[in-house]
Amino acid sequence: MTHAHGKETLKRARASRPAWAIVGEKLLETAIRVSGMSAIVFVLAIFIFVFREAAPVLFSERFDLGQFLFDTAWYPTSANNVRYGTLALTVGSIAVTALAMLFAVPFGLGGAIYISEFCGPRWREILKVVIELLSAIPSVVWGFIGLTVMSKLIVQLTNAPVGVNVLNGGIILALMSVPIVVSIGEDALKAVPDSYREAGLAMGATRWQLICRVLLPAARNGLLAAVLLGVGRAVGETMAVLMATGHAVTIPHGLLDSVRTLTANIAAELGEAPAGSEHYRVLFLTGLLLFCISFAVNISADLAIRGLRRK
């Protein structure tokens, strides 16, 4: 009865408004729906475009998908023995991204907690501006830093034969991912109602107990989203890893080994591959593989967030 009365009241309120207000509201609702649907349309359009370019080689009788996925040899321009193995590229991408997240997640979440719970208003605004400036630095500038500064430091500190390797790429990607993790993580912590903080303090919790037992569990969905956005930033990065990882098609056995990632391989070779050639199509197929990896990460994240919400 109450629900029906509420609906009737809402209808009367809408009927009493002027016609231009009703039309404006409907236009705004339509614009919001179109904006929401456009993201799905754009993703599907990108997938269709990449798949269309990769389809001729993917369904070719000469092409071996197993070799493409599990072979480590990448010789696209060989005259006698053309090989399109992406296993080393995939492992290189995973190694650099995992190392970057090993650095970025603790520092990013720690920075978010510090800004949200420990900073004064003035320092908070200053740090937020600095973090936004860090996120605005172009990736090619980070690549120059890795190539000219970080590589020399790595050689001096580790006696590595070259300074462009997994460690260099991981550090650079971590520096690029930390601002995103800090910004989204701080927003997630700020979204926790103040009543949670007040209730924890009223029960005698210390500041660290409040953070560990109240705020982090309450903001876990947002913090997980911050981490996953950082992962997406690292997986999709191109220019920085192209300049900082050594660009060697090998499976790394240590942090000081040079590698090549999927994104760097596409960026380095797509401009030289003749349009419509097999090499050109395989590079688009590599992009499709990268698309599937990103899709799998996002699906895993969505399932993890749903599992946390059930708990």
Protein backbone atom coordinates (compact mmCIF):
# COMPACT_ATOMS: atom_id res chain seq x y z
CA MET A 1 0.00 0.00 0.00
CA THR A 2 2.86 2.34 0.87
CA HIS A 3 4.69 1.49 -2.35
CA ALA A 4 1.57 2.18 -4.44
CA HIS A 5 1.05 5.46 -2.60
CA GLY A 6 4.66 6.44 -3.36
CA LYS A 7 4.21 5.73 -7.05
CA GLU A 8 1.04 7.78 -7.15
CA THR A 9 2.79 10.70 -5.42
CA LEU A 10 5.66 10.51 -7.92
CA LYS A 11 3.23 10.57 -10.86
CA ARG A 12 1.47 13.61 -9.44
CA ALA A 13 4.77 15.42 -8.90
CA ARG A 14 5.81 14.74 -12.49
CA ALA A 15 2.46 15.83 -13.83
CA SER A 16 2.68 19.14 -11.96
CA ARG A 17 6.00 20.07 -13.55
CA PRO A 18 6.20 22.15 -16.74
CA ALA A 19 6.51 20.35 -20.07
CA TRP A 20 10.00 21.70 -20.77
CA ALA A 21 11.30 20.17 -17.50
CA ILE A 22 9.88 16.75 -18.40
CA VAL A 23 11.37 16.89 -21.91
CA GLY A 24 14.73 17.98 -20.50
CA GLU A 25 14.75 15.10 -18.01
CA LYS A 26 13.95 12.57 -20.72
CA LEU A 27 16.70 13.97 -22.96
CA LEU A 28 19.18 13.77 -20.08
CA GLU A 29 18.18 10.17 -19.32
CA THR A 30 18.60 9.28 -23.00
CA ALA A 31 22.03 10.94 -23.12
CA ILE A 32 23.13 8.99 -20.04
CA ARG A 33 21.92 5.70 -21.53
CA VAL A 34 23.67 6.42 -24.83
CA SER A 35 26.88 7.31 -23.00
CA GLY A 36 26.74 4.07 -21.05
CA MET A 37 26.05 1.95 -24.11
CA SER A 38 28.73 3.73 -26.15
CA ALA A 39 31.50 2.16 -24.04
CA ILE A 40 30.25 -1.32 -24.99
CA VAL A 41 29.90 -0.31 -28.63
CA PHE A 42 33.43 1.11 -28.74
CA VAL A 43 34.96 -2.02 -27.18
CA LEU A 44 33.10 -4.27 -29.60
CA ALA A 45 34.15 -2.06 -32.52
CA ILE A 46 37.81 -2.27 -31.51
CA PHE A 47 37.59 -6.04 -31.13
CA ILE A 48 35.88 -6.42 -34.52
CA PHE A 49 38.48 -4.22 -36.23
CA VAL A 50 41.43 -6.13 -34.75
CA PHE A 51 39.78 -9.49 -35.43
CA ARG A 52 39.01 -8.53 -39.04
CA GLU A 53 42.66 -7.72 -39.68
CA ALA A 54 43.89 -10.89 -37.95
CA ALA A 55 41.27 -13.29 -39.40
CA PRO A 56 43.02 -14.05 -42.75
CA VAL A 57 46.10 -15.44 -41.03
CA LEU A 58 44.20 -16.96 -38.09
CA PHE A 59 42.11 -19.16 -40.41
CA SER A 60 44.92 -19.85 -42.85
CA GLU A 61 45.88 -23.49 -43.36
CA ARG A 62 49.57 -22.65 -43.10
CA PHE A 63 49.24 -20.91 -39.76
CA ASP A 64 49.81 -22.97 -36.59
CA LEU A 65 48.00 -21.44 -33.61
CA GLY A 66 49.80 -23.73 -31.17
CA GLN A 67 53.16 -22.53 -32.43
CA PHE A 68 51.97 -18.94 -32.18
CA LEU A 69 50.97 -19.34 -28.54
CA PHE A 70 53.66 -21.70 -27.20
CA ASP A 71 56.77 -21.23 -29.34
CA THR A 72 59.51 -18.87 -28.15
CA ALA A 73 61.03 -18.18 -31.59
CA TRP A 74 60.07 -14.90 -33.25
CA TYR A 75 61.57 -14.64 -36.75
CA PRO A 76 58.97 -12.77 -38.84
CA THR A 77 61.37 -11.70 -41.60
CA SER A 78 63.38 -14.89 -42.00
CA ALA A 79 63.83 -15.95 -45.60
CA ASN A 80 63.83 -19.71 -44.94
CA ASN A 81 62.30 -20.32 -41.52
CA VAL A 82 59.58 -17.83 -40.59
CA ARG A 83 58.43 -18.29 -37.00
CA TYR A 84 55.75 -16.41 -35.11
CA GLY A 85 56.10 -17.61 -31.52
CA THR A 86 54.78 -15.25 -28.83
CA LEU A 87 55.45 -17.25 -25.67
CA ALA A 88 58.58 -15.25 -24.82
CA LEU A 89 56.69 -12.02 -25.47
CA THR A 90 53.81 -13.09 -23.23
CA VAL A 91 56.12 -14.20 -20.43
CA GLY A 92 58.03 -10.92 -20.75
CA SER A 93 54.81 -8.93 -20.43
CA ILE A 94 53.70 -10.93 -17.38
CA ALA A 95 57.13 -10.66 -15.71
CA VAL A 96 57.39 -6.89 -16.11
CA THR A 97 53.77 -6.33 -15.04
CA ALA A 98 54.06 -8.62 -11.99
CA LEU A 99 57.24 -6.89 -10.83
CA ALA A 100 55.64 -3.48 -11.35
CA MET A 101 52.64 -4.47 -9.24
CA LEU A 102 54.94 -5.88 -6.56
CA PHE A 103 56.33 -2.36 -6.20
CA ALA A 104 53.23 -0.31 -7.01
CA VAL A 105 50.58 -1.96 -4.85
CA PRO A 106 52.24 -1.49 -1.41
CA PHE A 107 53.42 2.04 -2.19
CA GLY A 108 50.15 2.98 -3.89
CA LEU A 109 47.86 1.71 -1.14
CA GLY A 110 50.21 3.08 1.52
CA GLY A 111 50.12 6.48 -0.16
CA ALA A 112 46.33 6.35 -0.36
CA ILE A 113 46.05 5.53 3.35
CA TYR A 114 48.49 8.30 4.28
CA ILE A 115 46.71 10.95 2.22
CA SER A 116 43.26 9.87 3.39
CA GLU A 117 43.87 9.31 7.10
CA PHE A 118 47.10 11.01 8.20
CA CYS A 119 47.55 14.15 6.09
CA GLY A 120 46.37 17.57 7.07
CA PRO A 121 44.13 19.45 4.64
CA ARG A 122 46.95 21.58 3.22
CA TRP A 123 49.40 18.74 2.64
CA ARG A 124 46.60 16.59 1.25
CA GLU A 125 45.86 19.07 -1.50
CA ILE A 126 49.56 19.51 -2.30
CA LEU A 127 50.18 15.76 -2.53
CA LYS A 128 47.09 15.21 -4.67
CA VAL A 129 48.27 17.84 -7.13
CA VAL A 130 51.75 16.27 -7.26
CA ILE A 131 50.26 12.82 -7.85
CA GLU A 132 48.07 14.14 -10.66
CA LEU A 133 51.15 15.74 -12.23
CA LEU A 134 53.00 12.42 -12.05
CA SER A 135 50.13 10.66 -13.82
CA ALA A 136 50.23 13.32 -16.55
CA ILE A 137 53.88 12.68 -17.47
CA PRO A 138 54.00 11.12 -20.98
CA SER A 139 55.10 7.51 -21.19
CA VAL A 140 57.94 8.38 -23.58
CA VAL A 141 59.42 10.64 -20.86
CA TRP A 142 59.32 7.73 -18.43
CA GLY A 143 61.02 5.66 -21.11
CA PHE A 144 63.81 8.23 -21.40
CA ILE A 145 64.25 8.15 -17.63
CA GLY A 146 64.53 4.36 -17.71
CA LEU A 147 66.95 4.42 -20.65
CA THR A 148 69.28 7.18 -19.47
CA VAL A 149 69.00 7.34 -15.66
CA MET A 150 67.63 4.10 -14.28
CA SER A 151 69.76 1.89 -16.52
CA LYS A 152 72.99 3.50 -15.25
CA LEU A 153 71.89 3.11 -11.63
CA ILE A 154 71.07 -0.57 -12.18
CA VAL A 155 74.46 -1.24 -13.78
CA GLN A 156 76.27 0.51 -10.93
CA LEU A 157 74.31 -1.19 -8.15
CA THR A 158 73.98 -4.71 -9.57
CA ASN A 159 76.94 -5.03 -11.99
CA ALA A 160 74.47 -6.13 -14.67
CA PRO A 161 75.85 -6.29 -18.21
CA VAL A 162 73.05 -3.98 -19.42
CA GLY A 163 70.72 -1.69 -17.53
CA VAL A 164 67.65 -2.19 -19.72
CA ASN A 165 65.97 -5.30 -18.36
CA VAL A 166 63.02 -6.63 -16.37
CA LEU A 167 64.02 -4.70 -13.24
CA ASN A 168 64.23 -1.42 -15.13
CA GLY A 169 60.89 -1.94 -16.84
CA GLY A 170 59.23 -3.02 -13.60
CA ILE A 171 60.41 0.06 -11.72
CA ILE A 172 59.34 2.42 -14.49
CA LEU A 173 55.91 0.79 -14.80
CA ALA A 174 55.53 0.91 -11.01
CA LEU A 175 56.23 4.65 -11.03
CA MET A 176 53.61 5.06 -13.76
CA SER A 177 51.01 2.92 -11.95
CA VAL A 178 51.40 4.32 -8.43
CA PRO A 179 49.56 7.61 -9.14
CA ILE A 180 46.51 5.72 -10.40
CA VAL A 181 46.47 3.37 -7.40
CA VAL A 182 46.91 6.27 -4.96
CA SER A 183 44.20 8.41 -6.56
CA ILE A 184 41.54 5.68 -6.85
CA GLY A 185 42.48 4.16 -3.48
CA GLU A 186 42.19 7.51 -1.71
CA ASP A 187 38.75 8.06 -3.24
CA ALA A 188 37.68 4.59 -2.06
CA LEU A 189 38.82 5.29 1.51
CA LYS A 190 37.14 8.69 1.52
CA ALA A 191 33.89 7.05 0.39
CA VAL A 192 33.72 5.06 3.64
CA PRO A 193 31.08 6.78 5.84
CA ASP A 194 32.42 8.82 8.75
CA SER A 195 30.10 6.90 11.04
CA TYR A 196 32.42 3.88 10.63
CA ARG A 197 35.36 5.93 11.88
CA GLU A 198 33.35 7.40 14.73
CA ALA A 199 32.08 3.99 15.81
CA GLY A 200 35.60 2.53 15.77
CA LEU A 201 37.02 5.40 17.81
CA ALA A 202 34.12 5.16 20.26
CA MET A 203 35.00 1.51 20.87
CA GLY A 204 38.57 2.47 21.74
CA ALA A 205 40.30 1.43 18.52
CA THR A 206 43.67 2.96 17.76
CA ARG A 207 44.25 4.66 14.41
CA TRP A 208 45.99 1.58 12.96
CA GLN A 209 43.29 -0.74 14.28
CA LEU A 210 40.70 1.53 12.71
CA ILE A 211 42.50 1.38 9.36
CA CYS A 212 43.19 -2.36 9.36
CA ARG A 213 39.92 -3.64 10.82
CA VAL A 214 37.38 -1.05 9.69
CA LEU A 215 38.44 1.11 6.74
CA LEU A 216 40.31 -1.44 4.61
CA PRO A 217 37.54 -4.09 4.79
CA ALA A 218 34.88 -1.43 4.10
CA ALA A 219 36.78 -0.03 1.10
CA ARG A 220 38.09 -3.34 -0.27
CA ASN A 221 36.04 -3.20 -3.48
CA GLY A 222 37.34 0.25 -4.35
CA LEU A 223 40.91 -0.67 -3.37
CA LEU A 224 40.76 -3.78 -5.54
CA ALA A 225 39.52 -1.65 -8.42
CA ALA A 226 42.47 0.71 -7.86
CA VAL A 227 44.92 -2.20 -8.04
CA LEU A 228 43.31 -3.57 -11.18
CA LEU A 229 43.43 -0.19 -12.88
CA GLY A 230 47.12 -0.14 -12.06
CA VAL A 231 47.48 -3.58 -13.61
CA GLY A 232 45.68 -2.38 -16.72
CA ARG A 233 48.02 0.61 -16.92
CA ALA A 234 51.05 -1.67 -16.74
CA VAL A 235 49.77 -4.31 -19.18
CA GLY A 236 48.86 -1.78 -21.86
CA GLU A 237 51.98 0.38 -21.62
CA THR A 238 54.09 0.53 -24.78
CA MET A 239 56.73 3.22 -25.14
CA ALA A 240 58.19 3.00 -21.64
CA VAL A 241 58.72 -0.76 -21.79
CA LEU A 242 59.98 -0.50 -25.36
CA MET A 243 62.79 1.76 -24.16
CA ALA A 244 63.46 0.27 -20.71
CA THR A 245 63.38 -3.51 -21.10
CA GLY A 246 66.07 -4.21 -23.71
CA HIS A 247 63.73 -5.48 -26.44
CA ALA A 248 65.18 -9.02 -26.48
CA VAL A 249 62.88 -11.92 -27.44
CA THR A 250 63.88 -14.28 -24.63
CA ILE A 251 62.20 -15.84 -21.63
CA PRO A 252 63.67 -14.08 -18.57
CA HIS A 253 65.37 -16.19 -15.91
CA GLY A 254 66.09 -13.27 -13.59
CA LEU A 255 65.38 -9.61 -12.96
CA LEU A 256 68.49 -8.54 -14.89
CA ASP A 257 67.52 -10.27 -18.15
CA SER A 258 66.32 -8.21 -21.10
CA VAL A 259 62.85 -8.97 -22.46
CA ARG A 260 60.34 -7.80 -25.02
CA THR A 261 56.64 -7.34 -24.29
CA LEU A 262 53.64 -7.86 -26.55
CA THR A 263 52.85 -4.15 -26.74
CA ALA A 264 56.45 -3.16 -27.46
CA ASN A 265 56.68 -5.79 -30.19
CA ILE A 266 53.59 -4.42 -31.95
CA ALA A 267 54.82 -0.84 -31.68
CA ALA A 268 58.29 -1.70 -32.98
CA GLU A 269 57.29 -3.80 -35.98
CA LEU A 270 53.88 -2.66 -37.20
CA GLY A 271 55.32 0.36 -38.99
CA GLU A 272 57.80 -1.81 -40.90
CA ALA A 273 55.47 -4.66 -41.84
CA PRO A 274 53.93 -4.32 -45.34
CA ALA A 275 50.19 -3.73 -45.11
CA GLY A 276 48.25 -6.93 -45.73
CA SER A 277 51.29 -9.21 -45.37
CA GLU A 278 51.38 -12.24 -43.11
CA HIS A 279 53.67 -10.40 -40.70
CA TYR A 280 51.18 -7.53 -40.60
CA ARG A 281 48.28 -9.90 -39.87
CA VAL A 282 50.21 -11.71 -37.14
CA LEU A 283 50.89 -8.44 -35.37
CA PHE A 284 47.15 -7.79 -35.30
CA LEU A 285 46.70 -11.31 -33.97
CA THR A 286 49.17 -10.41 -31.24
CA GLY A 287 46.96 -7.43 -30.45
CA LEU A 288 44.01 -9.81 -30.26
CA LEU A 289 45.97 -11.97 -27.80
CA LEU A 290 46.68 -8.89 -25.70
CA PHE A 291 43.00 -7.96 -25.87
CA CYS A 292 42.06 -11.43 -24.57
CA ILE A 293 44.59 -11.19 -21.72
CA SER A 294 43.15 -7.81 -20.66
CA PHE A 295 39.64 -9.23 -20.93
CA ALA A 296 40.59 -12.21 -18.74
CA VAL A 297 42.08 -9.86 -16.12
CA ASN A 298 38.92 -7.76 -16.05
CA ILE A 299 36.65 -10.81 -15.80
CA SER A 300 38.76 -12.20 -12.95
CA ALA A 301 38.55 -8.85 -11.20
CA ASP A 302 34.78 -8.73 -11.61
CA LEU A 303 34.41 -12.23 -10.16
CA ALA A 304 36.71 -11.32 -7.26
CA ILE A 305 34.71 -8.18 -6.47
CA ARG A 306 31.44 -10.12 -6.57
CA GLY A 307 32.92 -12.71 -4.21
CA LEU A 308 33.98 -9.97 -1.79
CA ARG A 309 30.51 -8.42 -1.91
CA ARG A 310 28.89 -11.75 -0.99
CA LYS A 311 31.12 -11.96 2.07
